[in-house]
């Protein structure tokens, strides 16, 4: 399985939904809470091409986007293949 990284905040409902989908699939992920960590927030913005909303999700080296994009990949049947590399 690919490495998954999620930039999130502790009060974000979309973050919880994205993490729930990945957990339901048995996918582990590294979570970076940007709420109180300005260095991580800056890192997220740089890696995502200027996006400052959470979650920002990366699978392997690929920036997926946020929760909506993650669920779109799932609906299209493309998420499992992406997670499995």
PDB file of N, CA and C in Angstrom:
ATOM      1  N   UNK A   1       0.838  -1.188   0.000  1.00  0.00           N
ATOM      2  CA  UNK A   1       0.000   0.000   0.000  1.00  0.00           C
ATOM      3  C   UNK A   1       0.878   1.245   0.000  1.00  0.00           C
ATOM      4  N   UNK A   2       0.325   2.280  -0.576  1.00  0.00           N
ATOM      5  CA  UNK A   2       1.008   3.564  -0.667  1.00  0.00           C
ATOM      6  C   UNK A   2       1.030   4.267   0.692  1.00  0.00           C
ATOM      7  N   UNK A   3       1.964   5.174   0.853  1.00  0.00           N
ATOM      8  CA  UNK A   3       1.986   6.050   2.012  1.00  0.00           C
ATOM      9  C   UNK A   3       0.912   7.105   1.821  1.00  0.00           C
ATOM     10  N   UNK A   4       0.122   7.339   2.856  1.00  0.00           N
ATOM     11  CA  UNK A   4      -0.924   8.355   2.803  1.00  0.00           C
ATOM     12  C   UNK A   4      -0.659   9.379   3.894  1.00  0.00           C
ATOM     13  N   UNK A   5      -0.739  10.657   3.527  1.00  0.00           N
ATOM     14  CA  UNK A   5      -0.555  11.743   4.470  1.00  0.00           C
ATOM     15  C   UNK A   5      -1.762  12.670   4.402  1.00  0.00           C
ATOM     16  N   UNK A   6      -2.249  13.069   5.556  1.00  0.00           N
ATOM     17  CA  UNK A   6      -3.402  13.965   5.635  1.00  0.00           C
ATOM     18  C   UNK A   6      -3.044  15.147   6.526  1.00  0.00           C
ATOM     19  N   UNK A   7      -3.185  16.333   5.962  1.00  0.00           N
ATOM     20  CA  UNK A   7      -3.078  17.554   6.754  1.00  0.00           C
ATOM     21  C   UNK A   7      -4.497  17.883   7.211  1.00  0.00           C
ATOM     22  N   UNK A   8      -4.672  18.093   8.505  1.00  0.00           N
ATOM     23  CA  UNK A   8      -6.019  18.233   9.057  1.00  0.00           C
ATOM     24  C   UNK A   8      -6.043  19.228  10.201  1.00  0.00           C
ATOM     25  N   UNK A   9      -7.246  19.414  10.746  1.00  0.00           N
ATOM     26  CA  UNK A   9      -7.400  20.137  12.004  1.00  0.00           C
ATOM     27  C   UNK A   9      -8.360  19.333  12.869  1.00  0.00           C
ATOM     28  N   UNK A  10      -8.319  19.578  14.157  1.00  0.00           N
ATOM     29  CA  UNK A  10      -9.099  18.759  15.088  1.00  0.00           C
ATOM     30  C   UNK A  10     -10.584  19.091  15.087  1.00  0.00           C
ATOM     31  N   UNK A  11     -10.989  20.154  14.431  1.00  0.00           N
ATOM     32  CA  UNK A  11     -12.404  20.543  14.422  1.00  0.00           C
ATOM     33  C   UNK A  11     -13.034  20.425  13.038  1.00  0.00           C
ATOM     34  N   UNK A  12     -12.408  19.725  12.131  1.00  0.00           N
ATOM     35  CA  UNK A  12     -12.835  19.667  10.729  1.00  0.00           C
ATOM     36  C   UNK A  12     -13.640  18.396  10.448  1.00  0.00           C
ATOM     37  N   UNK A  13     -14.914  18.549  10.150  1.00  0.00           N
ATOM     38  CA  UNK A  13     -15.762  17.409   9.822  1.00  0.00           C
ATOM     39  C   UNK A  13     -15.326  16.679   8.565  1.00  0.00           C
ATOM     40  N   UNK A  14     -14.866  17.417   7.557  1.00  0.00           N
ATOM     41  CA  UNK A  14     -14.381  16.774   6.327  1.00  0.00           C
ATOM     42  C   UNK A  14     -13.123  15.945   6.595  1.00  0.00           C
ATOM     43  N   UNK A  15     -12.308  16.412   7.530  1.00  0.00           N
ATOM     44  CA  UNK A  15     -11.114  15.640   7.909  1.00  0.00           C
ATOM     45  C   UNK A  15     -11.518  14.308   8.523  1.00  0.00           C
ATOM     46  N   UNK A  16     -12.496  14.348   9.425  1.00  0.00           N
ATOM     47  CA  UNK A  16     -12.979  13.114  10.054  1.00  0.00           C
ATOM     48  C   UNK A  16     -13.557  12.162   9.006  1.00  0.00           C
ATOM     49  N   UNK A  17     -14.297  12.690   8.040  1.00  0.00           N
ATOM     50  CA  UNK A  17     -14.897  11.846   6.998  1.00  0.00           C
ATOM     51  C   UNK A  17     -13.825  11.194   6.128  1.00  0.00           C
ATOM     52  N   UNK A  18     -12.805  11.947   5.766  1.00  0.00           N
ATOM     53  CA  UNK A  18     -11.725  11.394   4.952  1.00  0.00           C
ATOM     54  C   UNK A  18     -10.976  10.303   5.712  1.00  0.00           C
ATOM     55  N   UNK A  19     -10.674  10.559   6.973  1.00  0.00           N
ATOM     56  CA  UNK A  19      -9.965   9.566   7.781  1.00  0.00           C
ATOM     57  C   UNK A  19     -10.815   8.321   7.981  1.00  0.00           C
ATOM     58  N   UNK A  20     -12.122   8.493   8.131  1.00  0.00           N
ATOM     59  CA  UNK A  20     -13.020   7.349   8.304  1.00  0.00           C
ATOM     60  C   UNK A  20     -13.018   6.465   7.054  1.00  0.00           C
ATOM     61  N   UNK A  21     -13.075   7.078   5.875  1.00  0.00           N
ATOM     62  CA  UNK A  21     -13.053   6.299   4.639  1.00  0.00           C
ATOM     63  C   UNK A  21     -11.756   5.498   4.534  1.00  0.00           C
ATOM     64  N   UNK A  22     -10.640   6.139   4.804  1.00  0.00           N
ATOM     65  CA  UNK A  22      -9.361   5.424   4.732  1.00  0.00           C
ATOM     66  C   UNK A  22      -9.285   4.318   5.768  1.00  0.00           C
ATOM     67  N   UNK A  23      -9.750   4.581   6.981  1.00  0.00           N
ATOM     68  CA  UNK A  23      -9.745   3.554   8.027  1.00  0.00           C
ATOM     69  C   UNK A  23     -10.640   2.379   7.648  1.00  0.00           C
ATOM     70  N   UNK A  24     -11.804   2.665   7.058  1.00  0.00           N
ATOM     71  CA  UNK A  24     -12.712   1.601   6.623  1.00  0.00           C
ATOM     72  C   UNK A  24     -12.058   0.711   5.568  1.00  0.00           C
ATOM     73  N   UNK A  25     -11.130   1.273   4.821  1.00  0.00           N
ATOM     74  CA  UNK A  25     -10.418   0.512   3.794  1.00  0.00           C
ATOM     75  C   UNK A  25      -9.181  -0.187   4.366  1.00  0.00           C
ATOM     76  N   UNK A  26      -8.915   0.019   5.658  1.00  0.00           N
ATOM     77  CA  UNK A  26      -7.749  -0.592   6.277  1.00  0.00           C
ATOM     78  C   UNK A  26      -6.455   0.124   5.946  1.00  0.00           C
ATOM     79  N   UNK A  27      -6.554   1.347   5.478  1.00  0.00           N
ATOM     80  CA  UNK A  27      -5.387   2.119   5.070  1.00  0.00           C
ATOM     81  C   UNK A  27      -4.849   2.937   6.240  1.00  0.00           C
ATOM     82  N   UNK A  28      -3.594   2.758   6.554  1.00  0.00           N
ATOM     83  CA  UNK A  28      -2.973   3.596   7.580  1.00  0.00           C
ATOM     84  C   UNK A  28      -2.569   4.920   6.935  1.00  0.00           C
ATOM     85  N   UNK A  29      -2.401   5.933   7.766  1.00  0.00           N
ATOM     86  CA  UNK A  29      -2.021   7.247   7.242  1.00  0.00           C
ATOM     87  C   UNK A  29      -1.316   8.038   8.327  1.00  0.00           C
ATOM     88  N   UNK A  30      -0.488   8.959   7.884  1.00  0.00           N
ATOM     89  CA  UNK A  30       0.150   9.907   8.789  1.00  0.00           C
ATOM     90  C   UNK A  30      -0.708  11.157   8.785  1.00  0.00           C
ATOM     91  N   UNK A  31      -1.011  11.658   9.970  1.00  0.00           N
ATOM     92  CA  UNK A  31      -1.858  12.844  10.094  1.00  0.00           C
ATOM     93  C   UNK A  31      -1.045  13.992  10.677  1.00  0.00           C
ATOM     94  N   UNK A  32      -1.154  15.145  10.043  1.00  0.00           N
ATOM     95  CA  UNK A  32      -0.474  16.349  10.491  1.00  0.00           C
ATOM     96  C   UNK A  32      -1.526  17.400  10.802  1.00  0.00           C
ATOM     97  N   UNK A  33      -1.681  17.716  12.083  1.00  0.00           N
ATOM     98  CA  UNK A  33      -2.660  18.710  12.498  1.00  0.00           C
ATOM     99  C   UNK A  33      -2.048  20.096  12.312  1.00  0.00           C
ATOM    100  N   UNK A  34      -2.634  20.884  11.430  1.00  0.00           N
ATOM    101  CA  UNK A  34      -2.092  22.208  11.103  1.00  0.00           C
ATOM    102  C   UNK A  34      -2.742  23.318  11.913  1.00  0.00           C
ATOM    103  N   UNK A  35      -3.673  22.967  12.751  1.00  0.00           N
ATOM    104  CA  UNK A  35      -4.436  23.958  13.506  1.00  0.00           C
ATOM    105  C   UNK A  35      -3.543  24.840  14.365  1.00  0.00           C
ATOM    106  N   UNK A  36      -2.591  24.256  15.040  1.00  0.00           N
ATOM    107  CA  UNK A  36      -1.719  25.015  15.933  1.00  0.00           C
ATOM    108  C   UNK A  36      -0.250  24.957  15.512  1.00  0.00           C
ATOM    109  N   UNK A  37       0.022  24.451  14.315  1.00  0.00           N
ATOM    110  CA  UNK A  37       1.404  24.278  13.868  1.00  0.00           C
ATOM    111  C   UNK A  37       1.609  25.041  12.570  1.00  0.00           C
ATOM    112  N   UNK A  38       2.113  26.253  12.675  1.00  0.00           N
ATOM    113  CA  UNK A  38       2.253  27.109  11.492  1.00  0.00           C
ATOM    114  C   UNK A  38       3.269  26.552  10.497  1.00  0.00           C
ATOM    115  N   UNK A  39       4.279  25.826  10.974  1.00  0.00           N
ATOM    116  CA  UNK A  39       5.245  25.222  10.061  1.00  0.00           C
ATOM    117  C   UNK A  39       4.585  24.143   9.205  1.00  0.00           C
ATOM    118  N   UNK A  40       3.753  23.314   9.825  1.00  0.00           N
ATOM    119  CA  UNK A  40       3.029  22.275   9.066  1.00  0.00           C
ATOM    120  C   UNK A  40       2.025  22.912   8.104  1.00  0.00           C
ATOM    121  N   UNK A  41       1.364  23.988   8.531  1.00  0.00           N
ATOM    122  CA  UNK A  41       0.419  24.683   7.648  1.00  0.00           C
ATOM    123  C   UNK A  41       1.156  25.224   6.424  1.00  0.00           C
ATOM    124  N   UNK A  42       2.310  25.825   6.627  1.00  0.00           N
ATOM    125  CA  UNK A  42       3.108  26.340   5.510  1.00  0.00           C
ATOM    126  C   UNK A  42       3.539  25.215   4.583  1.00  0.00           C
ATOM    127  N   UNK A  43       3.944  24.101   5.169  1.00  0.00           N
ATOM    128  CA  UNK A  43       4.333  22.931   4.388  1.00  0.00           C
ATOM    129  C   UNK A  43       3.164  22.442   3.540  1.00  0.00           C
ATOM    130  N   UNK A  44       1.976  22.358   4.144  1.00  0.00           N
ATOM    131  CA  UNK A  44       0.778  21.914   3.438  1.00  0.00           C
ATOM    132  C   UNK A  44       0.472  22.831   2.261  1.00  0.00           C
ATOM    133  N   UNK A  45       0.514  24.126   2.489  1.00  0.00           N
ATOM    134  CA  UNK A  45       0.199  25.100   1.436  1.00  0.00           C
ATOM    135  C   UNK A  45       1.192  24.976   0.288  1.00  0.00           C
ATOM    136  N   UNK A  46       2.455  24.811   0.624  1.00  0.00           N
ATOM    137  CA  UNK A  46       3.469  24.661  -0.421  1.00  0.00           C
ATOM    138  C   UNK A  46       3.257  23.374  -1.209  1.00  0.00           C
ATOM    139  N   UNK A  47       3.054  22.265  -0.517  1.00  0.00           N
ATOM    140  CA  UNK A  47       2.898  20.965  -1.192  1.00  0.00           C
ATOM    141  C   UNK A  47       1.632  20.892  -2.027  1.00  0.00           C
ATOM    142  N   UNK A  48       0.584  21.597  -1.604  1.00  0.00           N
ATOM    143  CA  UNK A  48      -0.701  21.506  -2.302  1.00  0.00           C
ATOM    144  C   UNK A  48      -0.854  22.548  -3.408  1.00  0.00           C
ATOM    145  N   UNK A  49       0.174  23.310  -3.655  1.00  0.00           N
ATOM    146  CA  UNK A  49       0.090  24.309  -4.718  1.00  0.00           C
ATOM    147  C   UNK A  49      -0.685  25.543  -4.308  1.00  0.00           C
ATOM    148  N   UNK A  50      -0.661  25.879  -3.024  1.00  0.00           N
ATOM    149  CA  UNK A  50      -1.289  27.099  -2.549  1.00  0.00           C
ATOM    150  C   UNK A  50      -2.619  26.914  -1.847  1.00  0.00           C
ATOM    151  N   UNK A  51      -3.098  25.697  -1.720  1.00  0.00           N
ATOM    152  CA  UNK A  51      -4.384  25.457  -1.053  1.00  0.00           C
ATOM    153  C   UNK A  51      -4.201  25.519   0.464  1.00  0.00           C
ATOM    154  N   UNK A  52      -5.136  26.196   1.128  1.00  0.00           N
ATOM    155  CA  UNK A  52      -4.993  26.373   2.579  1.00  0.00           C
ATOM    156  C   UNK A  52      -6.123  25.737   3.381  1.00  0.00           C
ATOM    157  N   UNK A  53      -7.055  25.065   2.714  1.00  0.00           N
ATOM    158  CA  UNK A  53      -8.150  24.405   3.428  1.00  0.00           C
ATOM    159  C   UNK A  53      -7.742  22.983   3.802  1.00  0.00           C
ATOM    160  N   UNK A  54      -8.379  22.466   4.836  1.00  0.00           N
ATOM    161  CA  UNK A  54      -8.131  21.083   5.246  1.00  0.00           C
ATOM    162  C   UNK A  54      -9.392  20.263   5.016  1.00  0.00           C
ATOM    163  N   UNK A  55      -9.223  18.976   4.760  1.00  0.00           N
ATOM    164  CA  UNK A  55      -7.958  18.267   4.684  1.00  0.00           C
ATOM    165  C   UNK A  55      -7.283  18.463   3.323  1.00  0.00           C
ATOM    166  N   UNK A  56      -5.990  18.262   3.302  1.00  0.00           N
ATOM    167  CA  UNK A  56      -5.225  18.100   2.076  1.00  0.00           C
ATOM    168  C   UNK A  56      -4.606  16.720   2.171  1.00  0.00           C
ATOM    169  N   UNK A  57      -4.849  15.910   1.146  1.00  0.00           N
ATOM    170  CA  UNK A  57      -4.503  14.485   1.197  1.00  0.00           C
ATOM    171  C   UNK A  57      -3.500  14.160   0.100  1.00  0.00           C
ATOM    172  N   UNK A  58      -2.487  13.402   0.486  1.00  0.00           N
ATOM    173  CA  UNK A  58      -1.466  12.944  -0.450  1.00  0.00           C
ATOM    174  C   UNK A  58      -1.399  11.427  -0.384  1.00  0.00           C
ATOM    175  N   UNK A  59      -1.413  10.804  -1.552  1.00  0.00           N
ATOM    176  CA  UNK A  59      -1.248   9.347  -1.642  1.00  0.00           C
ATOM    177  C   UNK A  59       0.025   9.122  -2.443  1.00  0.00           C
ATOM    178  N   UNK A  60       1.011   8.512  -1.798  1.00  0.00           N
ATOM    179  CA  UNK A  60       2.329   8.454  -2.415  1.00  0.00           C
ATOM    180  C   UNK A  60       2.810   9.881  -2.606  1.00  0.00           C
ATOM    181  N   UNK A  61       3.316  10.179  -3.776  1.00  0.00           N
ATOM    182  CA  UNK A  61       3.776  11.538  -4.082  1.00  0.00           C
ATOM    183  C   UNK A  61       2.672  12.396  -4.693  1.00  0.00           C
ATOM    184  N   UNK A  62       1.501  11.824  -4.906  1.00  0.00           N
ATOM    185  CA  UNK A  62       0.413  12.519  -5.605  1.00  0.00           C
ATOM    186  C   UNK A  62      -0.502  13.272  -4.652  1.00  0.00           C
ATOM    187  N   UNK A  63      -0.734  14.536  -4.962  1.00  0.00           N
ATOM    188  CA  UNK A  63      -1.693  15.340  -4.201  1.00  0.00           C
ATOM    189  C   UNK A  63      -3.090  14.998  -4.710  1.00  0.00           C
ATOM    190  N   UNK A  64      -3.931  14.508  -3.826  1.00  0.00           N
ATOM    191  CA  UNK A  64      -5.293  14.112  -4.178  1.00  0.00           C
ATOM    192  C   UNK A  64      -6.242  15.297  -4.093  1.00  0.00           C
ATOM    193  N   UNK A  65      -6.039  16.145  -3.102  1.00  0.00           N
ATOM    194  CA  UNK A  65      -6.952  17.250  -2.825  1.00  0.00           C
ATOM    195  C   UNK A  65      -7.575  17.033  -1.466  1.00  0.00           C
ATOM    196  N   UNK A  66      -8.850  17.341  -1.361  1.00  0.00           N
ATOM    197  CA  UNK A  66      -9.545  17.246  -0.089  1.00  0.00           C
ATOM    198  C   UNK A  66     -10.465  16.044  -0.002  1.00  0.00           C
ATOM    199  N   UNK A  67     -11.392  16.131   0.916  1.00  0.00           N
ATOM    200  CA  UNK A  67     -12.333  15.043   1.179  1.00  0.00           C
ATOM    201  C   UNK A  67     -13.210  14.750  -0.035  1.00  0.00           C
ATOM    202  N   UNK A  68     -13.714  15.790  -0.684  1.00  0.00           N
ATOM    203  CA  UNK A  68     -14.586  15.581  -1.847  1.00  0.00           C
ATOM    204  C   UNK A  68     -13.861  14.810  -2.942  1.00  0.00           C
ATOM    205  N   UNK A  69     -12.611  15.164  -3.188  1.00  0.00           N
ATOM    206  CA  UNK A  69     -11.840  14.472  -4.218  1.00  0.00           C
ATOM    207  C   UNK A  69     -11.584  13.022  -3.836  1.00  0.00           C
ATOM    208  N   UNK A  70     -11.327  12.775  -2.545  1.00  0.00           N
ATOM    209  CA  UNK A  70     -11.111  11.411  -2.077  1.00  0.00           C
ATOM    210  C   UNK A  70     -12.361  10.563  -2.300  1.00  0.00           C
ATOM    211  N   UNK A  71     -13.517  11.099  -1.936  1.00  0.00           N
ATOM    212  CA  UNK A  71     -14.769  10.362  -2.121  1.00  0.00           C
ATOM    213  C   UNK A  71     -15.126  10.203  -3.597  1.00  0.00           C
ATOM    214  N   UNK A  72     -14.744  11.158  -4.426  1.00  0.00           N
ATOM    215  CA  UNK A  72     -14.965  11.021  -5.871  1.00  0.00           C
ATOM    216  C   UNK A  72     -14.143   9.864  -6.415  1.00  0.00           C
ATOM    217  N   UNK A  73     -12.893   9.754  -5.990  1.00  0.00           N
ATOM    218  CA  UNK A  73     -12.073   8.619  -6.406  1.00  0.00           C
ATOM    219  C   UNK A  73     -12.722   7.305  -5.986  1.00  0.00           C
ATOM    220  N   UNK A  74     -13.279   7.270  -4.786  1.00  0.00           N
ATOM    221  CA  UNK A  74     -13.953   6.062  -4.307  1.00  0.00           C
ATOM    222  C   UNK A  74     -15.176   5.748  -5.174  1.00  0.00           C
ATOM    223  N   UNK A  75     -15.996   6.748  -5.459  1.00  0.00           N
ATOM    224  CA  UNK A  75     -17.201   6.534  -6.283  1.00  0.00           C
ATOM    225  C   UNK A  75     -16.864   6.046  -7.689  1.00  0.00           C
ATOM    226  N   UNK A  76     -15.742   6.533  -8.219  1.00  0.00           N
ATOM    227  CA  UNK A  76     -15.332   6.147  -9.573  1.00  0.00           C
ATOM    228  C   UNK A  76     -14.609   4.806  -9.605  1.00  0.00           C
ATOM    229  N   UNK A  77     -14.395   4.217  -8.424  1.00  0.00           N
ATOM    230  CA  UNK A  77     -13.705   2.925  -8.349  1.00  0.00           C
ATOM    231  C   UNK A  77     -12.201   3.027  -8.551  1.00  0.00           C
ATOM    232  N   UNK A  78     -11.630   4.221  -8.357  1.00  0.00           N
ATOM    233  CA  UNK A  78     -10.206   4.425  -8.603  1.00  0.00           C
ATOM    234  C   UNK A  78      -9.369   4.488  -7.327  1.00  0.00           C
ATOM    235  N   UNK A  79      -9.999   4.608  -6.171  1.00  0.00           N
ATOM    236  CA  UNK A  79      -9.245   4.802  -4.936  1.00  0.00           C
ATOM    237  C   UNK A  79      -8.430   3.573  -4.559  1.00  0.00           C
ATOM    238  N   UNK A  80      -9.010   2.392  -4.651  1.00  0.00           N
ATOM    239  CA  UNK A  80      -8.291   1.176  -4.256  1.00  0.00           C
ATOM    240  C   UNK A  80      -7.029   0.996  -5.074  1.00  0.00           C
ATOM    241  N   UNK A  81      -7.107   1.207  -6.368  1.00  0.00           N
ATOM    242  CA  UNK A  81      -5.930   1.059  -7.225  1.00  0.00           C
ATOM    243  C   UNK A  81      -4.858   2.072  -6.851  1.00  0.00           C
ATOM    244  N   UNK A  82      -5.270   3.277  -6.553  1.00  0.00           N
ATOM    245  CA  UNK A  82      -4.324   4.325  -6.161  1.00  0.00           C
ATOM    246  C   UNK A  82      -3.653   3.976  -4.834  1.00  0.00           C
ATOM    247  N   UNK A  83      -4.436   3.495  -3.876  1.00  0.00           N
ATOM    248  CA  UNK A  83      -3.881   3.120  -2.579  1.00  0.00           C
ATOM    249  C   UNK A  83      -2.918   1.934  -2.695  1.00  0.00           C
ATOM    250  N   UNK A  84      -3.201   1.030  -3.613  1.00  0.00           N
ATOM    251  CA  UNK A  84      -2.377  -0.165  -3.766  1.00  0.00           C
ATOM    252  C   UNK A  84      -1.162   0.068  -4.658  1.00  0.00           C
ATOM    253  N   UNK A  85      -1.076   1.261  -5.242  1.00  0.00           N
ATOM    254  CA  UNK A  85       0.100   1.596  -6.060  1.00  0.00           C
ATOM    255  C   UNK A  85       0.042   0.949  -7.394  1.00  0.00           C
TER     256      UNK A  85
END
